[in-house]
Amino acid sequence: MRHCSTFERGNGHCDLARLGREWEVKICKDSGLTINQSKIINGESYIVINYKANSQVSRIWILWEAQDAFFSPRLRNSNARSLNRAAAERNIEVLYEGKTAS
């Protein structure tokens, strides 16, 4: 928020807001995005930072205007839902891709 005047503190459980739209910030190990099963998806966008086991940032990307169909089905025995990249592909924008080992 300090470096981008168009972002402001979000309302309720929302991390950020920009131009009246909700934004969530997620820091996730490896390459995916996992959300709480009880999360109601309502068109918010996600800023996702993926990191490797050594805490090195491997990717930063945006999931624009999330839809419930982008995530795995709700299961009774799980508290999390993971992103289905194939379903969300058109709404993903990669901002940073770290170097891969050769």
PDB file of N, CA and C in Angstrom:
ATOM      1  N   MET A   1       0.834  -1.183   0.000  1.00  0.00           N
ATOM      2  CA  MET A   1       0.000   0.000   0.000  1.00  0.00           C
ATOM      3  C   MET A   1       0.877   1.244   0.000  1.00  0.00           C
ATOM      4  N   ARG A   2       1.995   1.147   0.641  1.00  0.00           N
ATOM      5  CA  ARG A   2       2.878   2.301   0.745  1.00  0.00           C
ATOM      6  C   ARG A   2       3.383   2.749  -0.622  1.00  0.00           C
ATOM      7  N   HIS A   3       3.598   1.803  -1.557  1.00  0.00           N
ATOM      8  CA  HIS A   3       4.188   2.132  -2.847  1.00  0.00           C
ATOM      9  C   HIS A   3       3.177   2.221  -3.982  1.00  0.00           C
ATOM     10  N   CYS A   4       1.921   2.010  -3.685  1.00  0.00           N
ATOM     11  CA  CYS A   4       0.890   2.070  -4.726  1.00  0.00           C
ATOM     12  C   CYS A   4      -0.345   2.742  -4.128  1.00  0.00           C
ATOM     13  N   SER A   5      -0.520   3.980  -4.446  1.00  0.00           N
ATOM     14  CA  SER A   5      -1.581   4.770  -3.814  1.00  0.00           C
ATOM     15  C   SER A   5      -2.987   4.315  -4.187  1.00  0.00           C
ATOM     16  N   THR A   6      -3.145   3.471  -5.206  1.00  0.00           N
ATOM     17  CA  THR A   6      -4.488   3.026  -5.581  1.00  0.00           C
ATOM     18  C   THR A   6      -4.966   1.857  -4.715  1.00  0.00           C
ATOM     19  N   PHE A   7      -4.084   1.243  -3.927  1.00  0.00           N
ATOM     20  CA  PHE A   7      -4.487   0.180  -3.008  1.00  0.00           C
ATOM     21  C   PHE A   7      -4.766   0.769  -1.639  1.00  0.00           C
ATOM     22  N   GLU A   8      -5.725   0.183  -0.959  1.00  0.00           N
ATOM     23  CA  GLU A   8      -6.027   0.583   0.419  1.00  0.00           C
ATOM     24  C   GLU A   8      -6.347  -0.670   1.221  1.00  0.00           C
ATOM     25  N   ARG A   9      -6.433  -0.512   2.525  1.00  0.00           N
ATOM     26  CA  ARG A   9      -6.753  -1.643   3.398  1.00  0.00           C
ATOM     27  C   ARG A   9      -8.131  -2.194   3.044  1.00  0.00           C
ATOM     28  N   GLY A  10      -8.227  -3.508   2.985  1.00  0.00           N
ATOM     29  CA  GLY A  10      -9.495  -4.147   2.639  1.00  0.00           C
ATOM     30  C   GLY A  10     -10.473  -4.149   3.805  1.00  0.00           C
ATOM     31  N   ASN A  11     -11.715  -4.472   3.519  1.00  0.00           N
ATOM     32  CA  ASN A  11     -12.758  -4.556   4.547  1.00  0.00           C
ATOM     33  C   ASN A  11     -12.942  -5.998   4.999  1.00  0.00           C
ATOM     34  N   GLY A  12     -13.246  -6.203   6.272  1.00  0.00           N
ATOM     35  CA  GLY A  12     -13.503  -7.540   6.794  1.00  0.00           C
ATOM     36  C   GLY A  12     -12.296  -8.435   6.636  1.00  0.00           C
ATOM     37  N   HIS A  13     -12.500  -9.610   6.012  1.00  0.00           N
ATOM     38  CA  HIS A  13     -11.417 -10.563   5.829  1.00  0.00           C
ATOM     39  C   HIS A  13     -10.590 -10.298   4.579  1.00  0.00           C
ATOM     40  N   CYS A  14     -10.955  -9.312   3.812  1.00  0.00           N
ATOM     41  CA  CYS A  14     -10.252  -8.979   2.579  1.00  0.00           C
ATOM     42  C   CYS A  14      -8.936  -8.263   2.915  1.00  0.00           C
ATOM     43  N   ASP A  15      -7.826  -8.676   2.275  1.00  0.00           N
ATOM     44  CA  ASP A  15      -6.523  -8.074   2.553  1.00  0.00           C
ATOM     45  C   ASP A  15      -6.408  -6.644   2.047  1.00  0.00           C
ATOM     46  N   LEU A  16      -6.794  -6.431   0.796  1.00  0.00           N
ATOM     47  CA  LEU A  16      -6.645  -5.130   0.151  1.00  0.00           C
ATOM     48  C   LEU A  16      -7.884  -4.790  -0.665  1.00  0.00           C
ATOM     49  N   ALA A  17      -7.983  -3.525  -1.036  1.00  0.00           N
ATOM     50  CA  ALA A  17      -9.016  -3.074  -1.960  1.00  0.00           C
ATOM     51  C   ALA A  17      -8.368  -2.098  -2.937  1.00  0.00           C
ATOM     52  N   ARG A  18      -8.856  -2.120  -4.159  1.00  0.00           N
ATOM     53  CA  ARG A  18      -8.354  -1.202  -5.179  1.00  0.00           C
ATOM     54  C   ARG A  18      -9.502  -0.866  -6.108  1.00  0.00           C
ATOM     55  N   LEU A  19      -9.795   0.412  -6.201  1.00  0.00           N
ATOM     56  CA  LEU A  19     -10.858   0.892  -7.078  1.00  0.00           C
ATOM     57  C   LEU A  19     -12.172   0.162  -6.821  1.00  0.00           C
ATOM     58  N   GLY A  20     -12.470  -0.091  -5.551  1.00  0.00           N
ATOM     59  CA  GLY A  20     -13.716  -0.725  -5.154  1.00  0.00           C
ATOM     60  C   GLY A  20     -13.755  -2.233  -5.308  1.00  0.00           C
ATOM     61  N   ARG A  21     -12.661  -2.865  -5.710  1.00  0.00           N
ATOM     62  CA  ARG A  21     -12.601  -4.321  -5.906  1.00  0.00           C
ATOM     63  C   ARG A  21     -11.738  -4.954  -4.819  1.00  0.00           C
ATOM     64  N   GLU A  22     -12.112  -6.172  -4.412  1.00  0.00           N
ATOM     65  CA  GLU A  22     -11.362  -6.885  -3.375  1.00  0.00           C
ATOM     66  C   GLU A  22     -10.132  -7.578  -3.956  1.00  0.00           C
ATOM     67  N   TRP A  23      -9.052  -7.595  -3.165  1.00  0.00           N
ATOM     68  CA  TRP A  23      -7.808  -8.277  -3.521  1.00  0.00           C
ATOM     69  C   TRP A  23      -7.351  -9.079  -2.319  1.00  0.00           C
ATOM     70  N   GLU A  24      -6.871 -10.281  -2.567  1.00  0.00           N
ATOM     71  CA  GLU A  24      -6.294 -11.132  -1.530  1.00  0.00           C
ATOM     72  C   GLU A  24      -4.813 -11.323  -1.834  1.00  0.00           C
ATOM     73  N   VAL A  25      -4.005 -11.422  -0.800  1.00  0.00           N
ATOM     74  CA  VAL A  25      -2.581 -11.698  -0.950  1.00  0.00           C
ATOM     75  C   VAL A  25      -2.324 -13.070  -0.347  1.00  0.00           C
ATOM     76  N   LYS A  26      -1.726 -13.969  -1.134  1.00  0.00           N
ATOM     77  CA  LYS A  26      -1.454 -15.338  -0.684  1.00  0.00           C
ATOM     78  C   LYS A  26       0.011 -15.668  -0.898  1.00  0.00           C
ATOM     79  N   ILE A  27       0.641 -16.225   0.112  1.00  0.00           N
ATOM     80  CA  ILE A  27       2.018 -16.707   0.030  1.00  0.00           C
ATOM     81  C   ILE A  27       1.952 -18.215   0.174  1.00  0.00           C
ATOM     82  N   CYS A  28       2.357 -18.929  -0.887  1.00  0.00           N
ATOM     83  CA  CYS A  28       2.165 -20.377  -0.961  1.00  0.00           C
ATOM     84  C   CYS A  28       3.450 -21.078  -1.374  1.00  0.00           C
ATOM     85  N   LYS A  29       3.721 -22.210  -0.740  1.00  0.00           N
ATOM     86  CA  LYS A  29       4.898 -23.004  -1.077  1.00  0.00           C
ATOM     87  C   LYS A  29       4.707 -23.671  -2.443  1.00  0.00           C
ATOM     88  N   ASP A  30       5.792 -23.784  -3.170  1.00  0.00           N
ATOM     89  CA  ASP A  30       5.855 -24.405  -4.495  1.00  0.00           C
ATOM     90  C   ASP A  30       5.150 -23.548  -5.541  1.00  0.00           C
ATOM     91  N   SER A  31       4.213 -24.089  -6.310  1.00  0.00           N
ATOM     92  CA  SER A  31       3.722 -23.331  -7.463  1.00  0.00           C
ATOM     93  C   SER A  31       2.230 -23.057  -7.470  1.00  0.00           C
ATOM     94  N   GLY A  32       1.501 -23.456  -6.454  1.00  0.00           N
ATOM     95  CA  GLY A  32       0.051 -23.360  -6.512  1.00  0.00           C
ATOM     96  C   GLY A  32      -0.558 -22.252  -5.696  1.00  0.00           C
ATOM     97  N   LEU A  33      -1.850 -22.364  -5.521  1.00  0.00           N
ATOM     98  CA  LEU A  33      -2.648 -21.470  -4.692  1.00  0.00           C
ATOM     99  C   LEU A  33      -3.674 -22.327  -3.974  1.00  0.00           C
ATOM    100  N   THR A  34      -3.714 -22.204  -2.661  1.00  0.00           N
ATOM    101  CA  THR A  34      -4.674 -22.933  -1.850  1.00  0.00           C
ATOM    102  C   THR A  34      -5.476 -21.927  -1.038  1.00  0.00           C
ATOM    103  N   ILE A  35      -6.785 -22.127  -0.983  1.00  0.00           N
ATOM    104  CA  ILE A  35      -7.654 -21.251  -0.198  1.00  0.00           C
ATOM    105  C   ILE A  35      -8.412 -22.080   0.829  1.00  0.00           C
ATOM    106  N   ASN A  36      -8.943 -21.413   1.832  1.00  0.00           N
ATOM    107  CA  ASN A  36      -9.757 -22.066   2.843  1.00  0.00           C
ATOM    108  C   ASN A  36     -11.053 -22.547   2.202  1.00  0.00           C
ATOM    109  N   GLN A  37     -11.490 -23.723   2.573  1.00  0.00           N
ATOM    110  CA  GLN A  37     -12.701 -24.311   1.992  1.00  0.00           C
ATOM    111  C   GLN A  37     -13.935 -23.439   2.207  1.00  0.00           C
ATOM    112  N   SER A  38     -13.972 -22.704   3.305  1.00  0.00           N
ATOM    113  CA  SER A  38     -15.153 -21.890   3.595  1.00  0.00           C
ATOM    114  C   SER A  38     -15.151 -20.542   2.863  1.00  0.00           C
ATOM    115  N   LYS A  39     -14.072 -20.226   2.156  1.00  0.00           N
ATOM    116  CA  LYS A  39     -13.970 -18.960   1.434  1.00  0.00           C
ATOM    117  C   LYS A  39     -15.044 -18.870   0.357  1.00  0.00           C
ATOM    118  N   ILE A  40     -15.764 -17.761   0.357  1.00  0.00           N
ATOM    119  CA  ILE A  40     -16.758 -17.489  -0.685  1.00  0.00           C
ATOM    120  C   ILE A  40     -16.051 -16.726  -1.805  1.00  0.00           C
ATOM    121  N   ILE A  41     -16.024 -17.302  -2.999  1.00  0.00           N
ATOM    122  CA  ILE A  41     -15.372 -16.676  -4.143  1.00  0.00           C
ATOM    123  C   ILE A  41     -16.363 -15.701  -4.770  1.00  0.00           C
ATOM    124  N   ASN A  42     -15.909 -14.428  -4.893  1.00  0.00           N
ATOM    125  CA  ASN A  42     -16.828 -13.403  -5.360  1.00  0.00           C
ATOM    126  C   ASN A  42     -16.151 -12.431  -6.319  1.00  0.00           C
ATOM    127  N   GLY A  43     -15.354 -12.953  -7.263  1.00  0.00           N
ATOM    128  CA  GLY A  43     -14.732 -12.092  -8.258  1.00  0.00           C
ATOM    129  C   GLY A  43     -13.507 -11.338  -7.785  1.00  0.00           C
ATOM    130  N   GLU A  44     -13.016 -11.635  -6.586  1.00  0.00           N
ATOM    131  CA  GLU A  44     -11.819 -10.949  -6.105  1.00  0.00           C
ATOM    132  C   GLU A  44     -10.602 -11.409  -6.902  1.00  0.00           C
ATOM    133  N   SER A  45      -9.556 -10.612  -6.867  1.00  0.00           N
ATOM    134  CA  SER A  45      -8.306 -10.968  -7.524  1.00  0.00           C
ATOM    135  C   SER A  45      -7.291 -11.341  -6.452  1.00  0.00           C
ATOM    136  N   TYR A  46      -6.353 -12.200  -6.813  1.00  0.00           N
ATOM    137  CA  TYR A  46      -5.338 -12.690  -5.875  1.00  0.00           C
ATOM    138  C   TYR A  46      -3.951 -12.304  -6.358  1.00  0.00           C
ATOM    139  N   ILE A  47      -3.143 -11.766  -5.468  1.00  0.00           N
ATOM    140  CA  ILE A  47      -1.717 -11.596  -5.689  1.00  0.00           C
ATOM    141  C   ILE A  47      -1.078 -12.796  -5.004  1.00  0.00           C
ATOM    142  N   VAL A  48      -0.382 -13.630  -5.774  1.00  0.00           N
ATOM    143  CA  VAL A  48       0.165 -14.872  -5.237  1.00  0.00           C
ATOM    144  C   VAL A  48       1.690 -14.844  -5.323  1.00  0.00           C
ATOM    145  N   ILE A  49       2.340 -15.133  -4.202  1.00  0.00           N
ATOM    146  CA  ILE A  49       3.790 -15.252  -4.140  1.00  0.00           C
ATOM    147  C   ILE A  49       4.095 -16.705  -3.817  1.00  0.00           C
ATOM    148  N   ASN A  50       4.756 -17.397  -4.735  1.00  0.00           N
ATOM    149  CA  ASN A  50       5.170 -18.782  -4.499  1.00  0.00           C
ATOM    150  C   ASN A  50       6.638 -18.777  -4.098  1.00  0.00           C
ATOM    151  N   TYR A  51       6.987 -19.698  -3.202  1.00  0.00           N
ATOM    152  CA  TYR A  51       8.374 -19.797  -2.745  1.00  0.00           C
ATOM    153  C   TYR A  51       8.796 -21.256  -2.719  1.00  0.00           C
ATOM    154  N   LYS A  52      10.111 -21.453  -2.745  1.00  0.00           N
ATOM    155  CA  LYS A  52      10.684 -22.789  -2.679  1.00  0.00           C
ATOM    156  C   LYS A  52      10.981 -23.130  -1.227  1.00  0.00           C
ATOM    157  N   ALA A  53      11.393 -24.376  -0.983  1.00  0.00           N
ATOM    158  CA  ALA A  53      11.687 -24.843   0.373  1.00  0.00           C
ATOM    159  C   ALA A  53      12.759 -23.994   1.051  1.00  0.00           C
ATOM    160  N   ASN A  54      13.656 -23.383   0.281  1.00  0.00           N
ATOM    161  CA  ASN A  54      14.705 -22.545   0.861  1.00  0.00           C
ATOM    162  C   ASN A  54      14.250 -21.099   1.068  1.00  0.00           C
ATOM    163  N   SER A  55      12.964 -20.846   0.984  1.00  0.00           N
ATOM    164  CA  SER A  55      12.325 -19.532   1.163  1.00  0.00           C
ATOM    165  C   SER A  55      12.618 -18.546   0.044  1.00  0.00           C
ATOM    166  N   GLN A  56      13.166 -19.013  -1.063  1.00  0.00           N
ATOM    167  CA  GLN A  56      13.432 -18.151  -2.207  1.00  0.00           C
ATOM    168  C   GLN A  56      12.156 -17.998  -3.030  1.00  0.00           C
ATOM    169  N   VAL A  57      11.824 -16.759  -3.383  1.00  0.00           N
ATOM    170  CA  VAL A  57      10.638 -16.498  -4.199  1.00  0.00           C
ATOM    171  C   VAL A  57      10.854 -17.105  -5.581  1.00  0.00           C
ATOM    172  N   SER A  58       9.898 -17.924  -6.019  1.00  0.00           N
ATOM    173  CA  SER A  58      10.015 -18.583  -7.318  1.00  0.00           C
ATOM    174  C   SER A  58       9.074 -17.989  -8.370  1.00  0.00           C
ATOM    175  N   ARG A  59       7.966 -17.391  -7.943  1.00  0.00           N
ATOM    176  CA  ARG A  59       7.006 -16.832  -8.895  1.00  0.00           C
ATOM    177  C   ARG A  59       6.089 -15.841  -8.178  1.00  0.00           C
ATOM    178  N   ILE A  60       5.729 -14.794  -8.888  1.00  0.00           N
ATOM    179  CA  ILE A  60       4.713 -13.844  -8.419  1.00  0.00           C
ATOM    180  C   ILE A  60       3.710 -13.716  -9.551  1.00  0.00           C
ATOM    181  N   TRP A  61       2.446 -13.896  -9.232  1.00  0.00           N
ATOM    182  CA  TRP A  61       1.434 -13.871 -10.278  1.00  0.00           C
ATOM    183  C   TRP A  61       0.102 -13.357  -9.736  1.00  0.00           C
ATOM    184  N   ILE A  62      -0.764 -13.011 -10.670  1.00  0.00           N
ATOM    185  CA  ILE A  62      -2.103 -12.499 -10.356  1.00  0.00           C
ATOM    186  C   ILE A  62      -3.138 -13.484 -10.882  1.00  0.00           C
ATOM    187  N   LEU A  63      -4.117 -13.777 -10.060  1.00  0.00           N
ATOM    188  CA  LEU A  63      -5.324 -14.468 -10.516  1.00  0.00           C
ATOM    189  C   LEU A  63      -6.402 -13.404 -10.556  1.00  0.00           C
ATOM    190  N   TRP A  64      -6.787 -13.007 -11.752  1.00  0.00           N
ATOM    191  CA  TRP A  64      -7.778 -11.947 -11.933  1.00  0.00           C
ATOM    192  C   TRP A  64      -9.199 -12.509 -11.808  1.00  0.00           C
ATOM    193  N   GLU A  65     -10.050 -11.791 -11.109  1.00  0.00           N
ATOM    194  CA  GLU A  65     -11.487 -12.074 -11.035  1.00  0.00           C
ATOM    195  C   GLU A  65     -11.784 -13.560 -10.842  1.00  0.00           C
ATOM    196  N   ALA A  66     -11.403 -14.052  -9.686  1.00  0.00           N
ATOM    197  CA  ALA A  66     -11.557 -15.484  -9.362  1.00  0.00           C
ATOM    198  C   ALA A  66     -13.013 -15.924  -9.427  1.00  0.00           C
ATOM    199  N   GLN A  67     -13.189 -17.167  -9.840  1.00  0.00           N
ATOM    200  CA  GLN A  67     -14.503 -17.801  -9.879  1.00  0.00           C
ATOM    201  C   GLN A  67     -14.420 -19.112  -9.107  1.00  0.00           C
ATOM    202  N   ASP A  68     -15.516 -19.525  -8.534  1.00  0.00           N
ATOM    203  CA  ASP A  68     -15.559 -20.765  -7.768  1.00  0.00           C
ATOM    204  C   ASP A  68     -15.085 -21.954  -8.601  1.00  0.00           C
ATOM    205  N   ALA A  69     -15.401 -21.961  -9.889  1.00  0.00           N
ATOM    206  CA  ALA A  69     -15.034 -23.064 -10.778  1.00  0.00           C
ATOM    207  C   ALA A  69     -13.527 -23.189 -10.980  1.00  0.00           C
ATOM    208  N   PHE A  70     -12.751 -22.188 -10.578  1.00  0.00           N
ATOM    209  CA  PHE A  70     -11.297 -22.243 -10.702  1.00  0.00           C
ATOM    210  C   PHE A  70     -10.664 -23.139  -9.636  1.00  0.00           C
ATOM    211  N   PHE A  71     -11.412 -23.521  -8.625  1.00  0.00           N
ATOM    212  CA  PHE A  71     -10.860 -24.262  -7.492  1.00  0.00           C
ATOM    213  C   PHE A  71     -11.451 -25.663  -7.409  1.00  0.00           C
ATOM    214  N   SER A  72     -10.704 -26.540  -6.740  1.00  0.00           N
ATOM    215  CA  SER A  72     -11.161 -27.917  -6.561  1.00  0.00           C
ATOM    216  C   SER A  72     -12.484 -27.929  -5.793  1.00  0.00           C
ATOM    217  N   PRO A  73     -13.251 -28.996  -5.941  1.00  0.00           N
ATOM    218  CA  PRO A  73     -14.540 -29.089  -5.235  1.00  0.00           C
ATOM    219  C   PRO A  73     -14.341 -29.104  -3.716  1.00  0.00           C
ATOM    220  N   ARG A  74     -15.360 -28.659  -3.011  1.00  0.00           N
ATOM    221  CA  ARG A  74     -15.346 -28.735  -1.545  1.00  0.00           C
ATOM    222  C   ARG A  74     -15.493 -30.199  -1.124  1.00  0.00           C
ATOM    223  N   LEU A  75     -14.688 -30.603  -0.166  1.00  0.00           N
ATOM    224  CA  LEU A  75     -14.742 -31.969   0.347  1.00  0.00           C
ATOM    225  C   LEU A  75     -15.012 -31.941   1.841  1.00  0.00           C
ATOM    226  N   ARG A  76     -15.763 -32.904   2.319  1.00  0.00           N
ATOM    227  CA  ARG A  76     -16.098 -32.943   3.749  1.00  0.00           C
ATOM    228  C   ARG A  76     -14.874 -33.153   4.631  1.00  0.00           C
ATOM    229  N   ASN A  77     -13.876 -33.875   4.152  1.00  0.00           N
ATOM    230  CA  ASN A  77     -12.728 -34.217   4.982  1.00  0.00           C
ATOM    231  C   ASN A  77     -11.509 -33.330   4.729  1.00  0.00           C
ATOM    232  N   SER A  78     -11.692 -32.167   4.113  1.00  0.00           N
ATOM    233  CA  SER A  78     -10.582 -31.260   3.835  1.00  0.00           C
ATOM    234  C   SER A  78     -10.960 -29.845   4.217  1.00  0.00           C
ATOM    235  N   ASN A  79      -9.966 -29.062   4.615  1.00  0.00           N
ATOM    236  CA  ASN A  79     -10.216 -27.679   4.962  1.00  0.00           C
ATOM    237  C   ASN A  79      -9.696 -26.729   3.884  1.00  0.00           C
ATOM    238  N   ALA A  80      -9.208 -27.283   2.770  1.00  0.00           N
ATOM    239  CA  ALA A  80      -8.597 -26.441   1.747  1.00  0.00           C
ATOM    240  C   ALA A  80      -9.065 -26.832   0.350  1.00  0.00           C
ATOM    241  N   ARG A  81      -8.978 -25.868  -0.546  1.00  0.00           N
ATOM    242  CA  ARG A  81      -9.260 -26.078  -1.960  1.00  0.00           C
ATOM    243  C   ARG A  81      -8.081 -25.547  -2.752  1.00  0.00           C
ATOM    244  N   SER A  82      -7.676 -26.269  -3.784  1.00  0.00           N
ATOM    245  CA  SER A  82      -6.531 -25.833  -4.582  1.00  0.00           C
ATOM    246  C   SER A  82      -6.986 -25.325  -5.943  1.00  0.00           C
ATOM    247  N   LEU A  83      -6.141 -24.469  -6.513  1.00  0.00           N
ATOM    248  CA  LEU A  83      -6.440 -23.883  -7.818  1.00  0.00           C
ATOM    249  C   LEU A  83      -6.303 -24.920  -8.925  1.00  0.00           C
ATOM    250  N   ASN A  84      -7.249 -24.947  -9.833  1.00  0.00           N
ATOM    251  CA  ASN A  84      -7.180 -25.755 -11.041  1.00  0.00           C
ATOM    252  C   ASN A  84      -6.643 -24.822 -12.131  1.00  0.00           C
ATOM    253  N   ARG A  85      -5.350 -24.934 -12.418  1.00  0.00           N
ATOM    254  CA  ARG A  85      -4.708 -24.018 -13.367  1.00  0.00           C
ATOM    255  C   ARG A  85      -5.341 -24.063 -14.752  1.00  0.00           C
ATOM    256  N   ALA A  86      -5.759 -25.232 -15.198  1.00  0.00           N
ATOM    257  CA  ALA A  86      -6.376 -25.343 -16.523  1.00  0.00           C
ATOM    258  C   ALA A  86      -7.665 -24.522 -16.581  1.00  0.00           C
ATOM    259  N   ALA A  87      -8.460 -24.574 -15.531  1.00  0.00           N
ATOM    260  CA  ALA A  87      -9.721 -23.833 -15.500  1.00  0.00           C
ATOM    261  C   ALA A  87      -9.493 -22.323 -15.394  1.00  0.00           C
ATOM    262  N   ALA A  88      -8.397 -21.925 -14.728  1.00  0.00           N
ATOM    263  CA  ALA A  88      -8.139 -20.503 -14.461  1.00  0.00           C
ATOM    264  C   ALA A  88      -7.148 -19.869 -15.433  1.00  0.00           C
ATOM    265  N   GLU A  89      -6.642 -20.638 -16.375  1.00  0.00           N
ATOM    266  CA  GLU A  89      -5.536 -20.212 -17.242  1.00  0.00           C
ATOM    267  C   GLU A  89      -5.706 -18.816 -17.837  1.00  0.00           C
ATOM    268  N   ARG A  90      -6.861 -18.493 -18.343  1.00  0.00           N
ATOM    269  CA  ARG A  90      -7.087 -17.189 -18.986  1.00  0.00           C
ATOM    270  C   ARG A  90      -7.084 -16.024 -18.002  1.00  0.00           C
ATOM    271  N   ASN A  91      -7.206 -16.328 -16.707  1.00  0.00           N
ATOM    272  CA  ASN A  91      -7.254 -15.282 -15.692  1.00  0.00           C
ATOM    273  C   ASN A  91      -5.941 -15.159 -14.915  1.00  0.00           C
ATOM    274  N   ILE A  92      -4.896 -15.844 -15.369  1.00  0.00           N
ATOM    275  CA  ILE A  92      -3.602 -15.821 -14.680  1.00  0.00           C
ATOM    276  C   ILE A  92      -2.619 -14.958 -15.460  1.00  0.00           C
ATOM    277  N   GLU A  93      -1.958 -14.062 -14.741  1.00  0.00           N
ATOM    278  CA  GLU A  93      -0.899 -13.223 -15.313  1.00  0.00           C
ATOM    279  C   GLU A  93       0.342 -13.373 -14.442  1.00  0.00           C
ATOM    280  N   VAL A  94       1.420 -13.898 -15.012  1.00  0.00           N
ATOM    281  CA  VAL A  94       2.674 -14.066 -14.281  1.00  0.00           C
ATOM    282  C   VAL A  94       3.461 -12.760 -14.351  1.00  0.00           C
ATOM    283  N   LEU A  95       3.850 -12.244 -13.174  1.00  0.00           N
ATOM    284  CA  LEU A  95       4.606 -10.999 -13.108  1.00  0.00           C
ATOM    285  C   LEU A  95       6.104 -11.243 -12.957  1.00  0.00           C
ATOM    286  N   TYR A  96       6.452 -12.345 -12.299  1.00  0.00           N
ATOM    287  CA  TYR A  96       7.854 -12.674 -12.066  1.00  0.00           C
ATOM    288  C   TYR A  96       8.016 -14.187 -12.077  1.00  0.00           C
ATOM    289  N   GLU A  97       9.011 -14.654 -12.805  1.00  0.00           N
ATOM    290  CA  GLU A  97       9.330 -16.083 -12.850  1.00  0.00           C
ATOM    291  C   GLU A  97      10.790 -16.205 -12.471  1.00  0.00           C
ATOM    292  N   GLY A  98      11.077 -16.873 -11.337  1.00  0.00           N
ATOM    293  CA  GLY A  98      12.451 -17.029 -10.877  1.00  0.00           C
ATOM    294  C   GLY A  98      13.254 -17.933 -11.783  1.00  0.00           C
ATOM    295  N   LYS A  99      14.550 -17.898 -11.585  1.00  0.00           N
ATOM    296  CA  LYS A  99      15.449 -18.751 -12.352  1.00  0.00           C
ATOM    297  C   LYS A  99      15.265 -20.200 -11.911  1.00  0.00           C
ATOM    298  N   THR A 100      15.335 -21.094 -12.875  1.00  0.00           N
ATOM    299  CA  THR A 100      15.269 -22.534 -12.561  1.00  0.00           C
ATOM    300  C   THR A 100      16.656 -23.122 -12.641  1.00  0.00           C
ATOM    301  N   ALA A 101      16.897 -24.141 -11.849  1.00  0.00           N
ATOM    302  CA  ALA A 101      18.210 -24.792 -11.845  1.00  0.00           C
ATOM    303  C   ALA A 101      18.426 -25.519 -13.169  1.00  0.00           C
ATOM    304  N   SER A 102      19.654 -25.449 -13.695  1.00  0.00           N
ATOM    305  CA  SER A 102      19.933 -26.128 -14.965  1.00  0.00           C
ATOM    306  C   SER A 102      20.552 -27.475 -14.729  1.00  0.00           C
TER     307      SER A 102
END
